[in-house]
Amino acid sequence: MSASNLSPTKQELIDWISHLNDESLLHFLNAIRQSQQEKGHDWWDELSGPEKENIRAGLQDIQQGKTLTSEEFRRQLKNG
């Protein structure tokens, strides 16, 4: 596809990306690109058994009201 066939937005993005020096931003953009290529691929399937159990336990804690606000958490940290 020639540059003349690109929409202005695509061309702006190409120009912007080509001048990026921020490695973390480039990795983030690449992750987005890869996720688009892997549509239908579920990240849950890549988790280990213990990782899935930890997530399930966390969700159960939320359902049972076993949570703290960030304010409560900070207060507990300060009080040791």
N, C-alpha and C. Protein backbone atom coordinates (compact mmCIF):
# COMPACT_ATOMS: atom_id res chain seq x y z
N MET A 1 0.85 -1.17 0.00
CA MET A 1 0.00 0.00 0.00
C MET A 1 0.90 1.23 0.00
N SER A 2 0.65 2.12 -0.89
CA SER A 2 1.48 3.32 -0.97
C SER A 2 1.02 4.33 0.06
N ALA A 3 1.91 5.26 0.36
CA ALA A 3 1.61 6.29 1.36
C ALA A 3 0.41 7.12 0.96
N SER A 4 0.18 7.30 -0.34
CA SER A 4 -0.95 8.11 -0.79
C SER A 4 -2.28 7.42 -0.53
N ASN A 5 -2.28 6.10 -0.35
CA ASN A 5 -3.51 5.36 -0.08
C ASN A 5 -3.85 5.31 1.41
N LEU A 6 -2.96 5.78 2.28
CA LEU A 6 -3.20 5.73 3.71
C LEU A 6 -4.08 6.90 4.15
N SER A 7 -4.92 6.64 5.16
CA SER A 7 -5.71 7.73 5.72
C SER A 7 -4.76 8.66 6.48
N PRO A 8 -5.16 9.90 6.65
CA PRO A 8 -4.29 10.83 7.41
C PRO A 8 -3.95 10.31 8.81
N THR A 9 -4.91 9.68 9.46
CA THR A 9 -4.66 9.16 10.81
C THR A 9 -3.60 8.07 10.79
N LYS A 10 -3.71 7.14 9.85
CA LYS A 10 -2.71 6.07 9.75
C LYS A 10 -1.33 6.65 9.47
N GLN A 11 -1.28 7.62 8.59
CA GLN A 11 0.02 8.21 8.26
C GLN A 11 0.62 8.93 9.46
N GLU A 12 -0.23 9.62 10.23
CA GLU A 12 0.25 10.30 11.44
C GLU A 12 0.79 9.29 12.45
N LEU A 13 0.08 8.18 12.61
CA LEU A 13 0.54 7.14 13.53
C LEU A 13 1.85 6.52 13.08
N ILE A 14 1.97 6.25 11.80
CA ILE A 14 3.21 5.69 11.26
C ILE A 14 4.37 6.64 11.51
N ASP A 15 4.16 7.91 11.24
CA ASP A 15 5.22 8.91 11.46
C ASP A 15 5.59 8.99 12.94
N TRP A 16 4.58 8.99 13.81
CA TRP A 16 4.81 9.09 15.24
C TRP A 16 5.58 7.87 15.75
N ILE A 17 5.14 6.67 15.36
CA ILE A 17 5.79 5.44 15.81
C ILE A 17 7.23 5.36 15.29
N SER A 18 7.45 5.80 14.08
CA SER A 18 8.79 5.71 13.51
C SER A 18 9.80 6.59 14.24
N HIS A 19 9.31 7.57 15.00
CA HIS A 19 10.21 8.46 15.74
C HIS A 19 10.24 8.17 17.24
N LEU A 20 9.52 7.14 17.68
CA LEU A 20 9.48 6.83 19.11
C LEU A 20 10.82 6.27 19.59
N ASN A 21 11.22 6.70 20.77
CA ASN A 21 12.42 6.17 21.42
C ASN A 21 12.10 5.50 22.75
N ASP A 22 10.86 5.60 23.19
CA ASP A 22 10.43 5.06 24.48
C ASP A 22 10.19 3.55 24.33
N GLU A 23 11.13 2.76 24.85
CA GLU A 23 11.06 1.30 24.69
C GLU A 23 9.80 0.71 25.33
N SER A 24 9.39 1.23 26.50
CA SER A 24 8.21 0.68 27.15
C SER A 24 6.95 0.94 26.33
N LEU A 25 6.88 2.09 25.72
CA LEU A 25 5.74 2.41 24.86
C LEU A 25 5.76 1.53 23.61
N LEU A 26 6.93 1.31 23.06
CA LEU A 26 7.03 0.42 21.89
C LEU A 26 6.62 -1.00 22.23
N HIS A 27 7.01 -1.48 23.40
CA HIS A 27 6.60 -2.83 23.83
C HIS A 27 5.09 -2.90 24.02
N PHE A 28 4.52 -1.83 24.58
CA PHE A 28 3.07 -1.76 24.77
C PHE A 28 2.34 -1.81 23.42
N LEU A 29 2.80 -1.01 22.49
CA LEU A 29 2.18 -1.00 21.16
C LEU A 29 2.31 -2.36 20.48
N ASN A 30 3.45 -2.99 20.66
CA ASN A 30 3.66 -4.31 20.07
C ASN A 30 2.72 -5.34 20.71
N ALA A 31 2.49 -5.22 22.01
CA ALA A 31 1.56 -6.13 22.68
C ALA A 31 0.15 -5.96 22.13
N ILE A 32 -0.24 -4.73 21.86
CA ILE A 32 -1.55 -4.47 21.25
C ILE A 32 -1.61 -5.12 19.87
N ARG A 33 -0.56 -4.95 19.10
CA ARG A 33 -0.51 -5.54 17.76
C ARG A 33 -0.65 -7.06 17.85
N GLN A 34 0.09 -7.66 18.76
CA GLN A 34 0.05 -9.11 18.89
C GLN A 34 -1.33 -9.59 19.36
N SER A 35 -1.96 -8.84 20.25
CA SER A 35 -3.28 -9.25 20.73
C SER A 35 -4.30 -9.20 19.60
N GLN A 36 -4.13 -8.26 18.69
CA GLN A 36 -5.03 -8.19 17.55
C GLN A 36 -4.83 -9.37 16.61
N GLN A 37 -3.61 -9.85 16.52
CA GLN A 37 -3.31 -10.99 15.66
C GLN A 37 -3.80 -12.30 16.28
N GLU A 38 -3.95 -12.31 17.59
CA GLU A 38 -4.32 -13.53 18.31
C GLU A 38 -5.77 -13.49 18.76
N LYS A 39 -6.63 -12.83 18.01
CA LYS A 39 -8.05 -12.77 18.37
C LYS A 39 -8.56 -14.18 18.61
N GLY A 40 -9.37 -14.33 19.60
CA GLY A 40 -9.89 -15.64 19.94
C GLY A 40 -8.99 -16.39 20.90
N HIS A 41 -7.79 -15.87 21.14
CA HIS A 41 -6.86 -16.50 22.08
C HIS A 41 -7.15 -15.94 23.46
N ASP A 42 -7.37 -16.80 24.42
CA ASP A 42 -7.73 -16.37 25.77
C ASP A 42 -6.52 -16.47 26.70
N TRP A 43 -6.13 -15.34 27.29
CA TRP A 43 -4.97 -15.30 28.19
C TRP A 43 -5.16 -16.23 29.38
N TRP A 44 -6.41 -16.50 29.77
CA TRP A 44 -6.68 -17.38 30.90
C TRP A 44 -6.05 -18.75 30.69
N ASP A 45 -6.05 -19.21 29.45
CA ASP A 45 -5.51 -20.52 29.13
C ASP A 45 -4.00 -20.61 29.36
N GLU A 46 -3.33 -19.48 29.40
CA GLU A 46 -1.88 -19.46 29.59
C GLU A 46 -1.47 -19.44 31.06
N LEU A 47 -2.44 -19.22 31.96
CA LEU A 47 -2.13 -19.15 33.39
C LEU A 47 -1.91 -20.54 33.95
N SER A 48 -1.06 -20.61 34.97
CA SER A 48 -0.83 -21.88 35.66
C SER A 48 -2.00 -22.15 36.60
N GLY A 49 -2.08 -23.36 37.09
CA GLY A 49 -3.13 -23.72 38.05
C GLY A 49 -3.13 -22.84 39.28
N PRO A 50 -1.95 -22.64 39.91
CA PRO A 50 -1.92 -21.76 41.09
C PRO A 50 -2.32 -20.31 40.78
N GLU A 51 -1.96 -19.81 39.61
CA GLU A 51 -2.36 -18.45 39.24
C GLU A 51 -3.88 -18.34 39.12
N LYS A 52 -4.49 -19.36 38.52
CA LYS A 52 -5.95 -19.36 38.39
C LYS A 52 -6.61 -19.45 39.76
N GLU A 53 -6.06 -20.27 40.64
CA GLU A 53 -6.62 -20.41 41.99
C GLU A 53 -6.51 -19.09 42.76
N ASN A 54 -5.39 -18.39 42.63
CA ASN A 54 -5.23 -17.10 43.30
C ASN A 54 -6.27 -16.09 42.81
N ILE A 55 -6.52 -16.09 41.52
CA ILE A 55 -7.53 -15.18 40.97
C ILE A 55 -8.92 -15.55 41.49
N ARG A 56 -9.22 -16.83 41.48
CA ARG A 56 -10.52 -17.28 42.00
C ARG A 56 -10.68 -16.92 43.48
N ALA A 57 -9.62 -17.09 44.26
CA ALA A 57 -9.68 -16.74 45.68
C ALA A 57 -9.90 -15.25 45.86
N GLY A 58 -9.25 -14.44 45.05
CA GLY A 58 -9.44 -12.99 45.12
C GLY A 58 -10.86 -12.59 44.77
N LEU A 59 -11.43 -13.22 43.74
CA LEU A 59 -12.82 -12.93 43.38
C LEU A 59 -13.78 -13.35 44.50
N GLN A 60 -13.48 -14.46 45.13
CA GLN A 60 -14.31 -14.92 46.26
C GLN A 60 -14.22 -13.93 47.42
N ASP A 61 -13.02 -13.43 47.69
CA ASP A 61 -12.86 -12.42 48.75
C ASP A 61 -13.70 -11.19 48.45
N ILE A 62 -13.71 -10.76 47.20
CA ILE A 62 -14.51 -9.59 46.82
C ILE A 62 -15.99 -9.86 47.06
N GLN A 63 -16.46 -11.03 46.64
CA GLN A 63 -17.87 -11.38 46.82
C GLN A 63 -18.26 -11.45 48.28
N GLN A 64 -17.32 -11.84 49.15
CA GLN A 64 -17.60 -11.97 50.59
C GLN A 64 -17.31 -10.67 51.35
N GLY A 65 -16.93 -9.63 50.62
CA GLY A 65 -16.67 -8.34 51.26
C GLY A 65 -15.36 -8.28 52.02
N LYS A 66 -14.46 -9.19 51.74
CA LYS A 66 -13.16 -9.22 52.42
C LYS A 66 -12.17 -8.34 51.66
N THR A 67 -12.46 -7.06 51.64
CA THR A 67 -11.61 -6.11 50.92
C THR A 67 -11.32 -4.90 51.80
N LEU A 68 -10.33 -4.16 51.40
CA LEU A 68 -9.97 -2.91 52.06
C LEU A 68 -9.95 -1.80 51.03
N THR A 69 -10.30 -0.60 51.46
CA THR A 69 -10.09 0.55 50.59
C THR A 69 -8.60 0.86 50.60
N SER A 70 -8.16 1.64 49.65
CA SER A 70 -6.74 2.00 49.64
C SER A 70 -6.38 2.80 50.89
N GLU A 71 -7.32 3.60 51.38
CA GLU A 71 -7.11 4.37 52.61
C GLU A 71 -6.90 3.43 53.80
N GLU A 72 -7.75 2.42 53.93
CA GLU A 72 -7.61 1.45 55.02
C GLU A 72 -6.30 0.68 54.92
N PHE A 73 -5.93 0.31 53.71
CA PHE A 73 -4.68 -0.41 53.49
C PHE A 73 -3.48 0.43 53.94
N ARG A 74 -3.45 1.69 53.52
CA ARG A 74 -2.34 2.58 53.91
C ARG A 74 -2.28 2.77 55.42
N ARG A 75 -3.46 2.90 56.03
CA ARG A 75 -3.49 3.08 57.49
C ARG A 75 -2.93 1.85 58.19
N GLN A 76 -3.25 0.66 57.71
CA GLN A 76 -2.73 -0.56 58.29
C GLN A 76 -1.22 -0.67 58.10
N LEU A 77 -0.74 -0.22 56.95
CA LEU A 77 0.71 -0.24 56.70
C LEU A 77 1.44 0.67 57.69
N LYS A 78 0.88 1.83 57.93
CA LYS A 78 1.51 2.80 58.83
C LYS A 78 1.50 2.31 60.26
N ASN A 79 0.45 1.61 60.65
CA ASN A 79 0.32 1.14 62.03
C ASN A 79 1.00 -0.18 62.29
N GLY A 80 1.59 -0.73 61.26
CA GLY A 80 2.41 -1.93 61.39
C GLY A 80 1.70 -3.19 61.59
